[in-house]
Amino acid sequence: MTDALPDRLSTNPKSPHYDEALLARGVGIRFNGQEKTNVEEYCVSEGWIRVAAGRSLDRFGNPMTVRLKGTVEPYLRGAPEPGEASP
């Protein structure tokens, strides 16, 4: 398996952009230079992430989300960061 991440990825199993095998490997998101741990979905080419908006739920019981625009940098958590020496 390559270390290339898709342009768009979602944690919702109902989404067409869901990839269970890739999510099991551990995907991290850096948004505008800050580490984000609560990302529901991201798109690199369009430059946005979708995060939960507090604890509110929609009428189907899914978390309400907010779309934030900025620089999105996905990476695999087990892989060394760019510029870091591998152990």
C-alpha atoms as a PDB file:
ATOM      1  CA  MET A   1       0.000   0.000   0.000  1.00  0.00           C
ATOM      2  CA  THR A   2       1.346   3.424  -0.897  1.00  0.00           C
ATOM      3  CA  ASP A   3       1.585   6.425   1.393  1.00  0.00           C
ATOM      4  CA  ALA A   4      -0.418   8.598  -1.024  1.00  0.00           C
ATOM      5  CA  LEU A   5      -3.574   9.892   0.631  1.00  0.00           C
ATOM      6  CA  PRO A   6      -6.779  10.630  -1.310  1.00  0.00           C
ATOM      7  CA  ASP A   7      -7.873  14.176  -2.095  1.00  0.00           C
ATOM      8  CA  ARG A   8     -11.040  13.652  -0.056  1.00  0.00           C
ATOM      9  CA  LEU A   9     -11.706  11.330   2.896  1.00  0.00           C
ATOM     10  CA  SER A  10     -14.612  10.897   5.318  1.00  0.00           C
ATOM     11  CA  THR A  11     -15.069   9.050   8.621  1.00  0.00           C
ATOM     12  CA  ASN A  12     -18.787   8.449   7.934  1.00  0.00           C
ATOM     13  CA  PRO A  13     -19.394   4.879   6.633  1.00  0.00           C
ATOM     14  CA  LYS A  14     -22.370   6.116   4.558  1.00  0.00           C
ATOM     15  CA  SER A  15     -20.162   8.504   2.567  1.00  0.00           C
ATOM     16  CA  PRO A  16     -18.753   7.501  -0.845  1.00  0.00           C
ATOM     17  CA  HIS A  17     -15.400   8.941   0.351  1.00  0.00           C
ATOM     18  CA  TYR A  18     -15.115   6.486   3.276  1.00  0.00           C
ATOM     19  CA  ASP A  19     -12.073   4.138   3.287  1.00  0.00           C
ATOM     20  CA  GLU A  20     -11.966   1.821   6.312  1.00  0.00           C
ATOM     21  CA  ALA A  21      -8.525   0.350   5.561  1.00  0.00           C
ATOM     22  CA  LEU A  22      -6.920   3.778   5.276  1.00  0.00           C
ATOM     23  CA  LEU A  23      -8.598   5.086   8.434  1.00  0.00           C
ATOM     24  CA  ALA A  24      -7.410   2.009  10.349  1.00  0.00           C
ATOM     25  CA  ARG A  25      -3.799   2.943   9.476  1.00  0.00           C
ATOM     26  CA  GLY A  26      -4.310   6.316  11.166  1.00  0.00           C
ATOM     27  CA  VAL A  27      -4.737   9.562   9.254  1.00  0.00           C
ATOM     28  CA  GLY A  28      -3.779  12.867  10.847  1.00  0.00           C
ATOM     29  CA  ILE A  29      -4.869  16.316   9.662  1.00  0.00           C
ATOM     30  CA  ARG A  30      -2.926  19.547   9.931  1.00  0.00           C
ATOM     31  CA  PHE A  31      -5.268  22.500   9.278  1.00  0.00           C
ATOM     32  CA  ASN A  32      -3.686  25.962   8.901  1.00  0.00           C
ATOM     33  CA  GLY A  33      -0.574  24.617  10.637  1.00  0.00           C
ATOM     34  CA  GLN A  34      -2.424  23.193  13.680  1.00  0.00           C
ATOM     35  CA  GLU A  35      -3.076  19.540  14.482  1.00  0.00           C
ATOM     36  CA  LYS A  36      -6.808  18.703  14.400  1.00  0.00           C
ATOM     37  CA  THR A  37      -8.194  15.529  15.984  1.00  0.00           C
ATOM     38  CA  ASN A  38     -11.945  16.041  15.471  1.00  0.00           C
ATOM     39  CA  VAL A  39     -12.115  16.142  11.647  1.00  0.00           C
ATOM     40  CA  GLU A  40     -15.131  14.312  10.165  1.00  0.00           C
ATOM     41  CA  GLU A  41     -14.207  14.897   6.500  1.00  0.00           C
ATOM     42  CA  TYR A  42     -11.607  16.798   4.485  1.00  0.00           C
ATOM     43  CA  CYS A  43     -10.916  17.902   0.918  1.00  0.00           C
ATOM     44  CA  VAL A  44      -7.390  19.022  -0.002  1.00  0.00           C
ATOM     45  CA  SER A  45      -8.125  20.450  -3.477  1.00  0.00           C
ATOM     46  CA  GLU A  46     -11.040  22.603  -2.275  1.00  0.00           C
ATOM     47  CA  GLY A  47      -9.257  23.495   1.002  1.00  0.00           C
ATOM     48  CA  TRP A  48     -11.821  22.630   3.684  1.00  0.00           C
ATOM     49  CA  ILE A  49     -12.460  20.354   6.645  1.00  0.00           C
ATOM     50  CA  ARG A  50     -15.725  19.395   8.315  1.00  0.00           C
ATOM     51  CA  VAL A  51     -15.727  19.278  12.140  1.00  0.00           C
ATOM     52  CA  ALA A  52     -18.417  18.624  14.743  1.00  0.00           C
ATOM     53  CA  ALA A  53     -20.197  21.741  16.032  1.00  0.00           C
ATOM     54  CA  GLY A  54     -20.267  21.134  19.760  1.00  0.00           C
ATOM     55  CA  ARG A  55     -22.514  18.372  21.055  1.00  0.00           C
ATOM     56  CA  SER A  56     -25.579  19.212  18.943  1.00  0.00           C
ATOM     57  CA  LEU A  57     -27.213  16.487  16.843  1.00  0.00           C
ATOM     58  CA  ASP A  58     -29.425  16.601  13.766  1.00  0.00           C
ATOM     59  CA  ARG A  59     -32.818  14.899  13.628  1.00  0.00           C
ATOM     60  CA  PHE A  60     -31.219  11.603  12.597  1.00  0.00           C
ATOM     61  CA  GLY A  61     -28.839  11.550  15.588  1.00  0.00           C
ATOM     62  CA  ASN A  62     -25.727  12.505  13.597  1.00  0.00           C
ATOM     63  CA  PRO A  63     -23.462  15.281  14.892  1.00  0.00           C
ATOM     64  CA  MET A  64     -24.015  18.730  13.386  1.00  0.00           C
ATOM     65  CA  THR A  65     -20.926  19.808  11.453  1.00  0.00           C
ATOM     66  CA  VAL A  66     -19.301  23.047  10.346  1.00  0.00           C
ATOM     67  CA  ARG A  67     -17.147  23.446   7.253  1.00  0.00           C
ATOM     68  CA  LEU A  68     -13.943  25.459   7.772  1.00  0.00           C
ATOM     69  CA  LYS A  69     -11.829  26.735   4.863  1.00  0.00           C
ATOM     70  CA  GLY A  70      -8.038  26.855   4.956  1.00  0.00           C
ATOM     71  CA  THR A  71      -4.897  24.855   4.198  1.00  0.00           C
ATOM     72  CA  VAL A  72      -5.390  21.095   4.651  1.00  0.00           C
ATOM     73  CA  GLU A  73      -2.402  18.738   5.044  1.00  0.00           C
ATOM     74  CA  PRO A  74      -3.291  15.061   5.619  1.00  0.00           C
ATOM     75  CA  TYR A  75      -0.612  12.564   6.686  1.00  0.00           C
ATOM     76  CA  LEU A  76      -0.301   9.015   7.985  1.00  0.00           C
ATOM     77  CA  ARG A  77       0.322   8.992  11.731  1.00  0.00           C
ATOM     78  CA  GLY A  78       2.778   6.071  11.663  1.00  0.00           C
ATOM     79  CA  ALA A  79       4.920   7.614   8.904  1.00  0.00           C
ATOM     80  CA  PRO A  80       7.749  10.054   9.758  1.00  0.00           C
ATOM     81  CA  GLU A  81       6.928  13.727   9.279  1.00  0.00           C
ATOM     82  CA  PRO A  82       8.531  15.543   6.325  1.00  0.00           C
ATOM     83  CA  GLY A  83      11.863  16.949   7.469  1.00  0.00           C
ATOM     84  CA  GLU A  84      12.176  14.538  10.419  1.00  0.00           C
ATOM     85  CA  ALA A  85      14.837  11.860  10.647  1.00  0.00           C
ATOM     86  CA  SER A  86      13.461   8.329  10.844  1.00  0.00           C
ATOM     87  CA  PRO A  87      14.557   6.286  13.906  1.00  0.00           C
END
